[in-house]
């Protein structure tokens, strides 16, 4: 998916990247940083672990989107 899709979904649910960092940390990714998340979102980090995090980001955004509706 496009990097901007994550940013657009964040806007739709009125959340910021820092909210994603906190949520990812709650879900076990305790060492994730704001800069690493930014690299993942902007496709500068394309490892298997980055893809796993990105998949979780889409899941979180879907959950947040369900709460907004």
Protein backbone atom coordinates (compact mmCIF):
# COMPACT_ATOMS: atom_id res chain seq x y z
CA UNK A 1 0.00 0.00 0.00
CA UNK A 2 1.01 3.60 -0.37
CA UNK A 3 2.79 5.38 2.48
CA UNK A 4 0.32 8.24 2.26
CA UNK A 5 -2.54 5.82 2.95
CA UNK A 6 -1.37 5.44 6.54
CA UNK A 7 -1.15 9.21 6.92
CA UNK A 8 -4.62 9.67 5.43
CA UNK A 9 -6.09 7.02 7.73
CA UNK A 10 -4.45 8.72 10.72
CA UNK A 11 -6.19 11.95 9.73
CA UNK A 12 -9.52 10.17 9.34
CA UNK A 13 -9.37 8.80 12.88
CA UNK A 14 -7.92 12.05 14.28
CA UNK A 15 -4.70 10.39 15.49
CA UNK A 16 -1.01 11.14 15.07
CA UNK A 17 2.08 9.04 14.51
CA UNK A 18 2.95 9.37 18.17
CA UNK A 19 -0.36 7.67 18.98
CA UNK A 20 0.75 4.77 16.79
CA UNK A 21 4.06 4.59 18.66
CA UNK A 22 2.23 4.32 21.99
CA UNK A 23 -0.18 1.71 20.64
CA UNK A 24 2.62 -0.36 19.11
CA UNK A 25 4.48 -0.23 22.43
CA UNK A 26 1.35 -1.44 24.23
CA UNK A 27 1.23 -4.36 21.80
CA UNK A 28 4.77 -5.50 22.53
CA UNK A 29 6.95 -3.38 20.28
CA UNK A 30 8.56 -1.65 23.26
CA UNK A 31 11.67 -0.43 21.43
CA UNK A 32 9.96 1.25 18.48
CA UNK A 33 10.94 4.88 18.02
CA UNK A 34 9.23 7.76 16.28
CA UNK A 35 11.97 7.91 13.63
CA UNK A 36 11.81 4.15 12.93
CA UNK A 37 8.03 4.36 12.60
CA UNK A 38 8.42 7.26 10.19
CA UNK A 39 10.84 5.19 8.10
CA UNK A 40 8.34 2.33 7.99
CA UNK A 41 5.45 4.59 7.01
CA UNK A 42 7.50 6.27 4.27
CA UNK A 43 8.79 2.93 2.90
CA UNK A 44 12.41 3.70 3.73
CA UNK A 45 12.49 0.58 5.91
CA UNK A 46 11.54 -2.50 3.91
CA UNK A 47 12.62 -5.45 6.02
CA UNK A 48 10.43 -8.36 7.04
CA UNK A 49 10.07 -6.94 10.54
CA UNK A 50 9.08 -3.55 9.12
CA UNK A 51 6.39 -5.25 7.05
CA UNK A 52 5.12 -7.01 10.17
CA UNK A 53 4.88 -3.66 11.94
CA UNK A 54 3.15 -2.12 8.92
CA UNK A 55 0.58 -4.93 8.91
CA UNK A 56 -0.09 -4.24 12.60
CA UNK A 57 -0.41 -0.51 11.85
CA UNK A 58 -3.17 -1.24 9.33
CA UNK A 59 -4.90 -3.45 11.90
CA UNK A 60 -4.69 -0.69 14.53
CA UNK A 61 -6.00 1.88 12.06
CA UNK A 62 -8.93 -0.38 11.18
CA UNK A 63 -9.73 -0.77 14.89
CA UNK A 64 -9.53 2.98 15.45
CA UNK A 65 -11.70 3.54 12.37
CA UNK A 66 -14.34 1.20 13.79
CA UNK A 67 -14.38 3.18 17.02
CA UNK A 68 -14.91 6.46 15.15
CA UNK A 69 -17.89 5.20 13.13
